[in-house]
Amino acid sequence: MGINKIIFFVILFSFSFVSAQQMELPEIIYNYINTSPQNAAVYLNGNYIGSTPCRFANNIIDTTGKNEISIKLNGYHDFKFDFGFADVPLNKSISLVPKNSMVDDNQIVQKNRLKLFNTQRKLVPVAISGILTAGSAILSFYFKRMANERYDEYLFTGDPNTLSKTKKFDLYSGIGLCAFEVSFVSLLYFLLIK
């Protein structure tokens, strides 16, 4: 694979990043419900969606009217609450009341003080960072392999032109490695911090 093909692939990746940035992808908003004790069944509008702690996306919520969450656990009173699409993202922590308890059924739902799943992730920066991370790692590996091959050829022939090609490929490999590190840090930033 010649240097012209590599340049062609780098340009091709650049154009795909530009077109990916221009695409408008819908944001995925996650809702979070937890109970004490955990492992309670969670139902959205009568359909089972998981056990607590439960995380679910907005694409299963009725956007036109009210939605009902029912939480059921053996030995505890069932808990229900309604919410509208304007109330999302949900971040609820609910204390279930045992059936043999003297506490009445009017439970208070408090917003979870933790920020768990409270921020939304934008898919475009995550996708671009991931692609750049993979692409720069592949290019760095390719150029290092080419440098090693040229160096072996230099040791066999003693040709100074081969040594200069080795240095050039080592430089490209180093640049690719730096690009990998920067893109990997940006991927971690978009996934974990922002």
N, C-alpha and C. Protein backbone atom coordinates (compact mmCIF):
# COMPACT_ATOMS: atom_id res chain seq x y z
N MET A 1 0.86 -1.18 0.00
CA MET A 1 0.00 0.00 0.00
C MET A 1 0.90 1.23 0.00
N GLY A 2 0.78 2.04 -1.00
CA GLY A 2 1.64 3.20 -1.13
C GLY A 2 1.16 4.37 -0.30
N ILE A 3 2.01 5.37 -0.25
CA ILE A 3 1.69 6.58 0.52
C ILE A 3 0.49 7.30 -0.08
N ASN A 4 0.30 7.20 -1.42
CA ASN A 4 -0.85 7.85 -2.05
C ASN A 4 -2.16 7.24 -1.58
N LYS A 5 -2.18 5.94 -1.40
CA LYS A 5 -3.40 5.29 -0.92
C LYS A 5 -3.69 5.70 0.52
N ILE A 6 -2.66 5.85 1.33
CA ILE A 6 -2.85 6.27 2.71
C ILE A 6 -3.40 7.68 2.76
N ILE A 7 -2.86 8.55 1.95
CA ILE A 7 -3.36 9.92 1.89
C ILE A 7 -4.80 9.92 1.43
N PHE A 8 -5.14 9.07 0.45
CA PHE A 8 -6.52 8.96 -0.03
C PHE A 8 -7.45 8.55 1.12
N PHE A 9 -7.04 7.57 1.95
CA PHE A 9 -7.88 7.12 3.05
C PHE A 9 -8.03 8.20 4.12
N VAL A 10 -6.97 8.95 4.39
CA VAL A 10 -7.06 10.03 5.37
C VAL A 10 -8.04 11.10 4.89
N ILE A 11 -7.98 11.43 3.60
CA ILE A 11 -8.92 12.42 3.05
C ILE A 11 -10.34 11.87 3.08
N LEU A 12 -10.50 10.61 2.76
CA LEU A 12 -11.82 9.99 2.80
C LEU A 12 -12.40 10.03 4.20
N PHE A 13 -11.58 9.71 5.24
CA PHE A 13 -12.05 9.78 6.61
C PHE A 13 -12.42 11.21 6.99
N SER A 14 -11.64 12.19 6.53
CA SER A 14 -11.93 13.59 6.83
C SER A 14 -13.29 13.99 6.30
N PHE A 15 -13.60 13.61 5.05
CA PHE A 15 -14.90 13.95 4.49
C PHE A 15 -16.03 13.24 5.22
N SER A 16 -15.81 12.03 5.67
CA SER A 16 -16.86 11.32 6.41
C SER A 16 -17.10 11.98 7.76
N PHE A 17 -16.04 12.55 8.40
CA PHE A 17 -16.24 13.24 9.67
C PHE A 17 -17.04 14.51 9.46
N VAL A 18 -16.74 15.24 8.40
CA VAL A 18 -17.46 16.47 8.12
C VAL A 18 -18.92 16.17 7.87
N SER A 19 -19.21 15.14 7.08
CA SER A 19 -20.61 14.80 6.81
C SER A 19 -21.30 14.28 8.05
N ALA A 20 -20.57 13.58 8.95
CA ALA A 20 -21.16 13.08 10.19
C ALA A 20 -21.50 14.24 11.12
N GLN A 21 -20.67 15.29 11.11
CA GLN A 21 -20.94 16.43 11.97
C GLN A 21 -22.17 17.19 11.49
N GLN A 22 -22.45 17.17 10.19
CA GLN A 22 -23.57 17.91 9.66
C GLN A 22 -24.89 17.16 9.84
N MET A 23 -24.83 15.86 10.10
CA MET A 23 -26.05 15.09 10.31
C MET A 23 -26.65 15.45 11.66
N GLU A 24 -27.95 15.61 11.70
CA GLU A 24 -28.65 15.88 12.94
C GLU A 24 -29.18 14.56 13.47
N LEU A 25 -28.57 14.04 14.51
CA LEU A 25 -29.02 12.81 15.12
C LEU A 25 -29.84 13.16 16.36
N PRO A 26 -30.91 12.42 16.62
CA PRO A 26 -31.71 12.72 17.81
C PRO A 26 -30.92 12.38 19.07
N GLU A 27 -31.11 13.21 20.09
CA GLU A 27 -30.44 12.95 21.35
C GLU A 27 -31.20 11.87 22.09
N ILE A 28 -30.48 10.96 22.69
CA ILE A 28 -31.10 9.91 23.47
C ILE A 28 -31.11 10.38 24.92
N ILE A 29 -32.31 10.47 25.49
CA ILE A 29 -32.46 10.89 26.88
C ILE A 29 -32.83 9.68 27.70
N TYR A 30 -32.10 9.44 28.76
CA TYR A 30 -32.35 8.29 29.62
C TYR A 30 -33.05 8.71 30.90
N ASN A 31 -33.94 7.85 31.38
CA ASN A 31 -34.66 8.04 32.63
C ASN A 31 -34.15 6.99 33.60
N TYR A 32 -34.18 7.33 34.87
CA TYR A 32 -33.61 6.45 35.88
C TYR A 32 -34.57 6.36 37.06
N ILE A 33 -34.87 5.14 37.47
CA ILE A 33 -35.71 4.90 38.64
C ILE A 33 -35.01 3.87 39.50
N ASN A 34 -34.91 4.18 40.80
CA ASN A 34 -34.31 3.26 41.75
C ASN A 34 -35.23 3.14 42.95
N THR A 35 -35.16 2.00 43.64
CA THR A 35 -35.98 1.79 44.83
C THR A 35 -35.12 1.27 45.96
N SER A 36 -35.65 1.44 47.14
CA SER A 36 -35.05 0.83 48.32
C SER A 36 -36.14 -0.01 48.96
N PRO A 37 -36.03 -1.31 48.95
CA PRO A 37 -34.98 -2.17 48.43
C PRO A 37 -35.02 -2.27 46.91
N GLN A 38 -33.92 -2.70 46.34
CA GLN A 38 -33.83 -2.81 44.89
C GLN A 38 -34.44 -4.12 44.40
N ASN A 39 -34.42 -4.30 43.09
CA ASN A 39 -34.91 -5.49 42.40
C ASN A 39 -36.43 -5.53 42.31
N ALA A 40 -37.08 -4.36 42.36
CA ALA A 40 -38.53 -4.27 42.18
C ALA A 40 -38.83 -4.20 40.69
N ALA A 41 -39.97 -4.79 40.29
CA ALA A 41 -40.38 -4.77 38.88
C ALA A 41 -40.94 -3.39 38.54
N VAL A 42 -40.54 -2.85 37.39
CA VAL A 42 -40.99 -1.53 36.95
C VAL A 42 -41.82 -1.71 35.69
N TYR A 43 -43.03 -1.11 35.70
CA TYR A 43 -43.95 -1.18 34.56
C TYR A 43 -44.24 0.23 34.07
N LEU A 44 -44.14 0.43 32.77
CA LEU A 44 -44.50 1.70 32.15
C LEU A 44 -45.76 1.48 31.34
N ASN A 45 -46.83 2.16 31.74
CA ASN A 45 -48.13 2.02 31.08
C ASN A 45 -48.55 0.56 30.97
N GLY A 46 -48.28 -0.21 32.03
CA GLY A 46 -48.67 -1.61 32.08
C GLY A 46 -47.69 -2.60 31.47
N ASN A 47 -46.63 -2.12 30.83
CA ASN A 47 -45.64 -2.99 30.19
C ASN A 47 -44.37 -3.04 31.05
N TYR A 48 -43.90 -4.27 31.30
CA TYR A 48 -42.68 -4.46 32.09
C TYR A 48 -41.49 -3.90 31.33
N ILE A 49 -40.68 -3.06 32.01
CA ILE A 49 -39.50 -2.48 31.36
C ILE A 49 -38.20 -2.83 32.06
N GLY A 50 -38.28 -3.46 33.23
CA GLY A 50 -37.05 -3.87 33.91
C GLY A 50 -37.21 -3.88 35.41
N SER A 51 -36.11 -4.18 36.09
CA SER A 51 -36.07 -4.19 37.56
C SER A 51 -35.17 -3.06 38.02
N THR A 52 -35.45 -2.58 39.23
CA THR A 52 -34.65 -1.47 39.76
C THR A 52 -33.28 -1.97 40.21
N PRO A 53 -32.25 -1.16 40.01
CA PRO A 53 -32.27 0.15 39.37
C PRO A 53 -32.56 0.03 37.88
N CYS A 54 -33.47 0.85 37.39
CA CYS A 54 -33.97 0.73 36.01
C CYS A 54 -33.62 1.99 35.22
N ARG A 55 -33.04 1.79 34.06
CA ARG A 55 -32.68 2.89 33.16
C ARG A 55 -33.36 2.60 31.83
N PHE A 56 -34.12 3.57 31.31
CA PHE A 56 -34.81 3.37 30.04
C PHE A 56 -34.82 4.66 29.23
N ALA A 57 -34.85 4.51 27.90
CA ALA A 57 -34.78 5.65 26.99
C ALA A 57 -36.16 6.25 26.77
N ASN A 58 -36.18 7.48 26.27
CA ASN A 58 -37.44 8.18 26.04
C ASN A 58 -38.25 7.61 24.89
N ASN A 59 -37.65 6.79 24.03
CA ASN A 59 -38.38 6.32 22.86
C ASN A 59 -39.52 5.38 23.21
N ILE A 60 -39.65 4.94 24.46
CA ILE A 60 -40.77 4.07 24.84
C ILE A 60 -41.84 4.84 25.61
N ILE A 61 -41.66 6.13 25.80
CA ILE A 61 -42.62 6.96 26.54
C ILE A 61 -43.65 7.54 25.58
N ASP A 62 -44.91 7.60 26.03
CA ASP A 62 -45.97 8.23 25.25
C ASP A 62 -45.77 9.74 25.32
N THR A 63 -45.52 10.36 24.18
CA THR A 63 -45.22 11.79 24.14
C THR A 63 -46.47 12.65 24.11
N THR A 64 -47.65 12.04 23.91
CA THR A 64 -48.88 12.83 23.74
C THR A 64 -49.66 13.01 25.02
N GLY A 65 -49.50 12.14 25.98
CA GLY A 65 -50.31 12.25 27.20
C GLY A 65 -49.54 11.87 28.43
N LYS A 66 -50.29 11.40 29.42
CA LYS A 66 -49.69 10.99 30.69
C LYS A 66 -49.18 9.56 30.60
N ASN A 67 -48.14 9.30 31.32
CA ASN A 67 -47.56 7.96 31.45
C ASN A 67 -47.67 7.55 32.91
N GLU A 68 -47.82 6.24 33.13
CA GLU A 68 -47.91 5.75 34.49
C GLU A 68 -46.80 4.74 34.75
N ILE A 69 -46.08 4.97 35.84
CA ILE A 69 -45.06 4.03 36.30
C ILE A 69 -45.64 3.27 37.49
N SER A 70 -45.58 1.95 37.43
CA SER A 70 -45.99 1.09 38.54
C SER A 70 -44.77 0.30 38.99
N ILE A 71 -44.56 0.26 40.29
CA ILE A 71 -43.42 -0.46 40.86
C ILE A 71 -43.97 -1.51 41.82
N LYS A 72 -43.57 -2.77 41.61
CA LYS A 72 -44.11 -3.87 42.41
C LYS A 72 -42.96 -4.74 42.94
N LEU A 73 -43.09 -5.10 44.22
CA LEU A 73 -42.13 -6.00 44.85
C LEU A 73 -42.87 -6.80 45.90
N ASN A 74 -42.69 -8.12 45.91
CA ASN A 74 -43.37 -8.97 46.88
C ASN A 74 -43.04 -8.52 48.30
N GLY A 75 -44.07 -8.43 49.15
CA GLY A 75 -43.89 -8.03 50.53
C GLY A 75 -43.93 -6.52 50.74
N TYR A 76 -44.12 -5.74 49.65
CA TYR A 76 -44.15 -4.28 49.73
C TYR A 76 -45.39 -3.77 49.02
N HIS A 77 -45.88 -2.60 49.45
CA HIS A 77 -47.01 -1.97 48.79
C HIS A 77 -46.59 -1.54 47.38
N ASP A 78 -47.52 -1.71 46.42
CA ASP A 78 -47.25 -1.23 45.06
C ASP A 78 -47.17 0.29 45.09
N PHE A 79 -46.34 0.83 44.23
CA PHE A 79 -46.18 2.28 44.14
C PHE A 79 -46.45 2.71 42.71
N LYS A 80 -47.25 3.76 42.54
CA LYS A 80 -47.58 4.27 41.21
C LYS A 80 -47.43 5.78 41.19
N PHE A 81 -46.99 6.28 40.04
CA PHE A 81 -47.00 7.73 39.83
C PHE A 81 -47.13 8.02 38.35
N ASP A 82 -47.71 9.18 38.06
CA ASP A 82 -47.92 9.63 36.68
C ASP A 82 -46.90 10.71 36.35
N PHE A 83 -46.57 10.79 35.07
CA PHE A 83 -45.70 11.87 34.61
C PHE A 83 -46.00 12.14 33.14
N GLY A 84 -45.67 13.35 32.72
CA GLY A 84 -45.83 13.74 31.32
C GLY A 84 -44.48 13.82 30.64
N PHE A 85 -44.52 14.01 29.33
CA PHE A 85 -43.26 14.07 28.57
C PHE A 85 -42.43 15.27 28.99
N ALA A 86 -43.08 16.32 29.49
CA ALA A 86 -42.35 17.52 29.92
C ALA A 86 -41.55 17.25 31.20
N ASP A 87 -41.87 16.17 31.93
CA ASP A 87 -41.19 15.87 33.19
C ASP A 87 -39.89 15.09 33.01
N VAL A 88 -39.57 14.70 31.78
CA VAL A 88 -38.37 13.88 31.57
C VAL A 88 -37.16 14.78 31.40
N PRO A 89 -35.99 14.35 31.72
CA PRO A 89 -35.63 13.00 32.16
C PRO A 89 -36.01 12.79 33.62
N LEU A 90 -36.49 11.58 33.91
CA LEU A 90 -36.82 11.19 35.28
C LEU A 90 -35.55 10.75 35.98
N ASN A 91 -35.46 11.11 37.23
CA ASN A 91 -34.35 10.65 38.07
C ASN A 91 -34.93 10.49 39.47
N LYS A 92 -35.57 9.35 39.70
CA LYS A 92 -36.34 9.14 40.92
C LYS A 92 -35.73 8.06 41.79
N SER A 93 -35.81 8.29 43.09
CA SER A 93 -35.42 7.31 44.09
C SER A 93 -36.61 7.14 45.02
N ILE A 94 -37.10 5.90 45.15
CA ILE A 94 -38.34 5.65 45.87
C ILE A 94 -38.07 4.65 46.98
N SER A 95 -38.56 4.95 48.18
CA SER A 95 -38.47 4.01 49.30
C SER A 95 -39.79 3.25 49.37
N LEU A 96 -39.73 1.95 49.12
CA LEU A 96 -40.93 1.12 49.17
C LEU A 96 -41.30 0.84 50.63
N VAL A 97 -42.62 0.74 50.88
CA VAL A 97 -43.12 0.55 52.23
C VAL A 97 -43.53 -0.92 52.40
N PRO A 98 -43.00 -1.59 53.44
CA PRO A 98 -43.40 -2.99 53.66
C PRO A 98 -44.89 -3.09 53.95
N LYS A 99 -45.51 -4.21 53.57
CA LYS A 99 -46.95 -4.39 53.77
C LYS A 99 -47.31 -4.47 55.25
N ASN A 100 -46.43 -4.94 56.10
CA ASN A 100 -46.73 -5.03 57.52
C ASN A 100 -46.36 -3.76 58.28
N SER A 101 -46.00 -2.69 57.56
CA SER A 101 -45.59 -1.44 58.19
C SER A 101 -46.80 -0.60 58.54
N MET A 102 -46.64 0.29 59.51
CA MET A 102 -47.71 1.19 59.92
C MET A 102 -47.75 2.47 59.08
N VAL A 103 -46.81 2.66 58.15
CA VAL A 103 -46.76 3.85 57.32
C VAL A 103 -47.89 3.79 56.30
N ASP A 104 -48.54 4.93 56.03
CA ASP A 104 -49.64 4.90 55.06
C ASP A 104 -49.11 4.85 53.62
N ASP A 105 -50.02 4.62 52.68
CA ASP A 105 -49.62 4.40 51.29
C ASP A 105 -49.19 5.65 50.55
N ASN A 106 -49.36 6.85 51.11
CA ASN A 106 -48.94 8.09 50.44
C ASN A 106 -47.45 8.26 50.63
N GLN A 107 -46.71 7.79 49.65
CA GLN A 107 -45.26 7.85 49.73
C GLN A 107 -44.76 9.11 49.05
N ILE A 108 -43.63 9.57 49.50
CA ILE A 108 -43.03 10.76 48.90
C ILE A 108 -41.92 10.32 47.97
N VAL A 109 -41.99 10.82 46.73
CA VAL A 109 -40.93 10.53 45.76
C VAL A 109 -39.98 11.71 45.78
N GLN A 110 -38.73 11.42 46.03
CA GLN A 110 -37.72 12.47 46.06
C GLN A 110 -36.82 12.33 44.86
N LYS A 111 -36.40 13.47 44.34
CA LYS A 111 -35.42 13.41 43.26
C LYS A 111 -34.12 12.88 43.81
N ASN A 112 -33.55 12.00 43.06
CA ASN A 112 -32.28 11.43 43.47
C ASN A 112 -31.22 12.53 43.46
N ARG A 113 -30.52 12.67 44.56
CA ARG A 113 -29.49 13.72 44.65
C ARG A 113 -28.27 13.39 43.78
N LEU A 114 -28.11 12.13 43.46
CA LEU A 114 -26.99 11.75 42.61
C LEU A 114 -27.24 12.24 41.19
N LYS A 115 -26.20 12.45 40.46
CA LYS A 115 -26.32 12.90 39.07
C LYS A 115 -26.22 11.74 38.10
N LEU A 116 -26.46 10.52 38.58
CA LEU A 116 -26.34 9.32 37.77
C LEU A 116 -27.31 9.38 36.60
N PHE A 117 -26.82 9.26 35.40
CA PHE A 117 -27.60 9.27 34.15
C PHE A 117 -28.36 10.58 33.95
N ASN A 118 -27.93 11.63 34.57
CA ASN A 118 -28.66 12.89 34.48
C ASN A 118 -28.22 13.72 33.28
N THR A 119 -27.06 13.46 32.75
CA THR A 119 -26.59 14.23 31.61
C THR A 119 -26.80 13.42 30.33
N GLN A 120 -27.05 14.14 29.26
CA GLN A 120 -27.30 13.50 27.98
C GLN A 120 -25.99 13.43 27.19
N ARG A 121 -25.84 12.37 26.45
CA ARG A 121 -24.66 12.19 25.62
C ARG A 121 -25.00 12.53 24.19
N LYS A 122 -24.12 13.28 23.53
CA LYS A 122 -24.30 13.57 22.11
C LYS A 122 -23.55 12.52 21.32
N LEU A 123 -24.25 11.88 20.42
CA LEU A 123 -23.68 10.75 19.70
C LEU A 123 -22.61 11.15 18.69
N VAL A 124 -22.73 12.31 18.07
CA VAL A 124 -21.79 12.71 17.02
C VAL A 124 -20.37 12.86 17.57
N PRO A 125 -20.14 13.62 18.67
CA PRO A 125 -18.76 13.71 19.18
C PRO A 125 -18.21 12.37 19.65
N VAL A 126 -19.06 11.53 20.23
CA VAL A 126 -18.60 10.21 20.67
C VAL A 126 -18.20 9.36 19.46
N ALA A 127 -19.04 9.38 18.42
CA ALA A 127 -18.74 8.59 17.22
C ALA A 127 -17.47 9.09 16.53
N ILE A 128 -17.35 10.40 16.40
CA ILE A 128 -16.16 10.96 15.73
C ILE A 128 -14.90 10.63 16.53
N SER A 129 -14.96 10.79 17.86
CA SER A 129 -13.79 10.47 18.69
C SER A 129 -13.43 8.99 18.58
N GLY A 130 -14.44 8.14 18.55
CA GLY A 130 -14.18 6.71 18.42
C GLY A 130 -13.54 6.35 17.09
N ILE A 131 -14.05 6.95 16.02
CA ILE A 131 -13.49 6.68 14.69
C ILE A 131 -12.06 7.21 14.59
N LEU A 132 -11.84 8.42 15.11
CA LEU A 132 -10.48 8.99 15.09
C LEU A 132 -9.52 8.13 15.92
N THR A 133 -9.98 7.64 17.06
CA THR A 133 -9.14 6.79 17.90
C THR A 133 -8.74 5.53 17.14
N ALA A 134 -9.71 4.87 16.55
CA ALA A 134 -9.42 3.63 15.81
C ALA A 134 -8.55 3.91 14.59
N GLY A 135 -8.89 4.96 13.83
CA GLY A 135 -8.13 5.28 12.62
C GLY A 135 -6.69 5.65 12.90
N SER A 136 -6.47 6.47 13.93
CA SER A 136 -5.10 6.88 14.23
C SER A 136 -4.29 5.70 14.80
N ALA A 137 -4.92 4.80 15.52
CA ALA A 137 -4.20 3.62 16.01
C ALA A 137 -3.79 2.72 14.85
N ILE A 138 -4.69 2.55 13.90
CA ILE A 138 -4.38 1.71 12.73
C ILE A 138 -3.25 2.33 11.90
N LEU A 139 -3.35 3.65 11.66
CA LEU A 139 -2.30 4.32 10.89
C LEU A 139 -0.95 4.28 11.61
N SER A 140 -0.96 4.48 12.92
CA SER A 140 0.29 4.42 13.68
C SER A 140 0.92 3.03 13.58
N PHE A 141 0.11 2.00 13.72
CA PHE A 141 0.60 0.63 13.60
C PHE A 141 1.15 0.38 12.19
N TYR A 142 0.42 0.83 11.18
CA TYR A 142 0.84 0.62 9.78
C TYR A 142 2.20 1.28 9.52
N PHE A 143 2.35 2.54 9.93
CA PHE A 143 3.60 3.25 9.67
C PHE A 143 4.76 2.65 10.47
N LYS A 144 4.49 2.18 11.68
CA LYS A 144 5.57 1.56 12.45
C LYS A 144 6.01 0.26 11.80
N ARG A 145 5.04 -0.49 11.29
CA ARG A 145 5.40 -1.73 10.59
C ARG A 145 6.22 -1.42 9.33
N MET A 146 5.84 -0.38 8.60
CA MET A 146 6.59 0.01 7.40
C MET A 146 8.01 0.46 7.79
N ALA A 147 8.13 1.20 8.90
CA ALA A 147 9.45 1.64 9.35
C ALA A 147 10.33 0.45 9.73
N ASN A 148 9.75 -0.52 10.39
CA ASN A 148 10.52 -1.72 10.76
C ASN A 148 10.97 -2.50 9.53
N GLU A 149 10.10 -2.59 8.54
CA GLU A 149 10.48 -3.29 7.31
C GLU A 149 11.61 -2.55 6.59
N ARG A 150 11.51 -1.22 6.53
CA ARG A 150 12.57 -0.44 5.87
C ARG A 150 13.89 -0.52 6.64
N TYR A 151 13.80 -0.57 7.96
CA TYR A 151 15.02 -0.67 8.75
C TYR A 151 15.70 -2.03 8.54
N ASP A 152 14.89 -3.09 8.48
CA ASP A 152 15.47 -4.42 8.18
C ASP A 152 16.13 -4.41 6.81
N GLU A 153 15.48 -3.73 5.86
CA GLU A 153 16.06 -3.62 4.51
C GLU A 153 17.36 -2.82 4.56
N TYR A 154 17.41 -1.74 5.37
CA TYR A 154 18.62 -0.93 5.52
C TYR A 154 19.76 -1.77 6.11
N LEU A 155 19.44 -2.57 7.13
CA LEU A 155 20.48 -3.41 7.73
C LEU A 155 21.03 -4.41 6.73
N PHE A 156 20.19 -4.87 5.83
CA PHE A 156 20.63 -5.85 4.82
C PHE A 156 21.43 -5.19 3.71
N THR A 157 20.96 -4.00 3.22
CA THR A 157 21.59 -3.37 2.05
C THR A 157 22.56 -2.25 2.42
N GLY A 158 22.33 -1.55 3.53
CA GLY A 158 23.17 -0.42 3.90
C GLY A 158 22.86 0.83 3.09
N ASP A 159 21.74 0.86 2.38
CA ASP A 159 21.34 2.00 1.54
C ASP A 159 20.86 3.15 2.42
N PRO A 160 21.48 4.36 2.30
CA PRO A 160 21.07 5.50 3.13
C PRO A 160 19.66 6.00 2.78
N ASN A 161 19.20 5.80 1.54
CA ASN A 161 17.84 6.21 1.19
C ASN A 161 16.81 5.39 1.97
N THR A 162 17.11 4.14 2.18
CA THR A 162 16.21 3.27 2.96
C THR A 162 16.16 3.74 4.40
N LEU A 163 17.31 4.19 4.92
CA LEU A 163 17.33 4.70 6.29
C LEU A 163 16.49 5.98 6.40
N SER A 164 16.55 6.85 5.41
CA SER A 164 15.74 8.07 5.45
C SER A 164 14.24 7.73 5.37
N LYS A 165 13.89 6.69 4.60
CA LYS A 165 12.49 6.25 4.56
C LYS A 165 12.07 5.71 5.92
N THR A 166 12.97 5.01 6.57
CA THR A 166 12.69 4.48 7.91
C THR A 166 12.38 5.63 8.87
N LYS A 167 13.20 6.66 8.84
CA LYS A 167 12.98 7.81 9.73
C LYS A 167 11.66 8.50 9.41
N LYS A 168 11.33 8.60 8.11
CA LYS A 168 10.08 9.23 7.71
C LYS A 168 8.88 8.43 8.23
N PHE A 169 8.92 7.11 8.09
CA PHE A 169 7.82 6.28 8.57
C PHE A 169 7.73 6.28 10.10
N ASP A 170 8.90 6.36 10.77
CA ASP A 170 8.88 6.48 12.23
C ASP A 170 8.23 7.79 12.66
N LEU A 171 8.51 8.87 11.94
CA LEU A 171 7.88 10.16 12.23
C LEU A 171 6.37 10.06 12.06
N TYR A 172 5.90 9.47 10.96
CA TYR A 172 4.46 9.31 10.72
C TYR A 172 3.83 8.45 11.82
N SER A 173 4.54 7.42 12.24
CA SER A 173 4.04 6.56 13.29
C SER A 173 3.91 7.34 14.60
N GLY A 174 4.88 8.16 14.92
CA GLY A 174 4.82 8.99 16.13
C GLY A 174 3.67 9.98 16.09
N ILE A 175 3.46 10.59 14.93
CA ILE A 175 2.33 11.52 14.78
C ILE A 175 1.02 10.77 14.95
N GLY A 176 0.93 9.59 14.37
CA GLY A 176 -0.28 8.77 14.52
C GLY A 176 -0.52 8.37 15.97
N LEU A 177 0.56 8.06 16.69
CA LEU A 177 0.43 7.71 18.10
C LEU A 177 -0.05 8.90 18.92
N CYS A 178 0.47 10.08 18.64
CA CYS A 178 0.00 11.30 19.33
C CYS A 178 -1.46 11.56 19.02
N ALA A 179 -1.85 11.39 17.75
CA ALA A 179 -3.25 11.58 17.37
C ALA A 179 -4.13 10.56 18.08
N PHE A 180 -3.65 9.34 18.23
CA PHE A 180 -4.40 8.31 18.95
C PHE A 180 -4.63 8.73 20.40
N GLU A 181 -3.58 9.21 21.05
CA GLU A 181 -3.71 9.60 22.46
C GLU A 181 -4.69 10.75 22.63
N VAL A 182 -4.60 11.75 21.76
CA VAL A 182 -5.51 12.89 21.85
C VAL A 182 -6.95 12.46 21.60
N SER A 183 -7.18 11.65 20.58
CA SER A 183 -8.54 11.23 20.27
C SER A 183 -9.09 10.29 21.33
N PHE A 184 -8.23 9.47 21.95
CA PHE A 184 -8.68 8.58 23.02
C PHE A 184 -9.10 9.39 24.25
N VAL A 185 -8.32 10.43 24.58
CA VAL A 185 -8.68 11.28 25.71
C VAL A 185 -9.99 12.01 25.41
N SER A 186 -10.18 12.48 24.18
CA SER A 186 -11.44 13.15 23.84
C SER A 186 -12.61 12.17 23.90
N LEU A 187 -12.40 10.92 23.51
CA LEU A 187 -13.45 9.91 23.61
C LEU A 187 -13.84 9.70 25.07
N LEU A 188 -12.85 9.58 25.94
CA LEU A 188 -13.15 9.44 27.36
C LEU A 188 -13.87 10.66 27.90
N TYR A 189 -13.47 11.83 27.46
CA TYR A 189 -14.11 13.08 27.90
C TYR A 189 -15.58 13.07 27.51
N PHE A 190 -15.89 12.76 26.26
CA PHE A 190 -17.29 12.79 25.81
C PHE A 190 -18.12 11.68 26.44
N LEU A 191 -17.48 10.55 26.77
CA LEU A 191 -18.23 9.45 27.37
C LEU A 191 -18.43 9.62 28.87
N LEU A 192 -17.40 10.06 29.58
CA LEU A 192 -17.46 10.02 31.03
C LEU A 192 -17.63 11.37 31.71
N ILE A 193 -17.09 12.43 31.14
CA ILE A 193 -17.07 13.69 31.87
C ILE A 193 -18.17 14.63 31.41
N LYS A 194 -18.26 14.89 30.14
CA LYS A 194 -19.19 15.91 29.66
C LYS A 194 -20.61 15.45 29.75
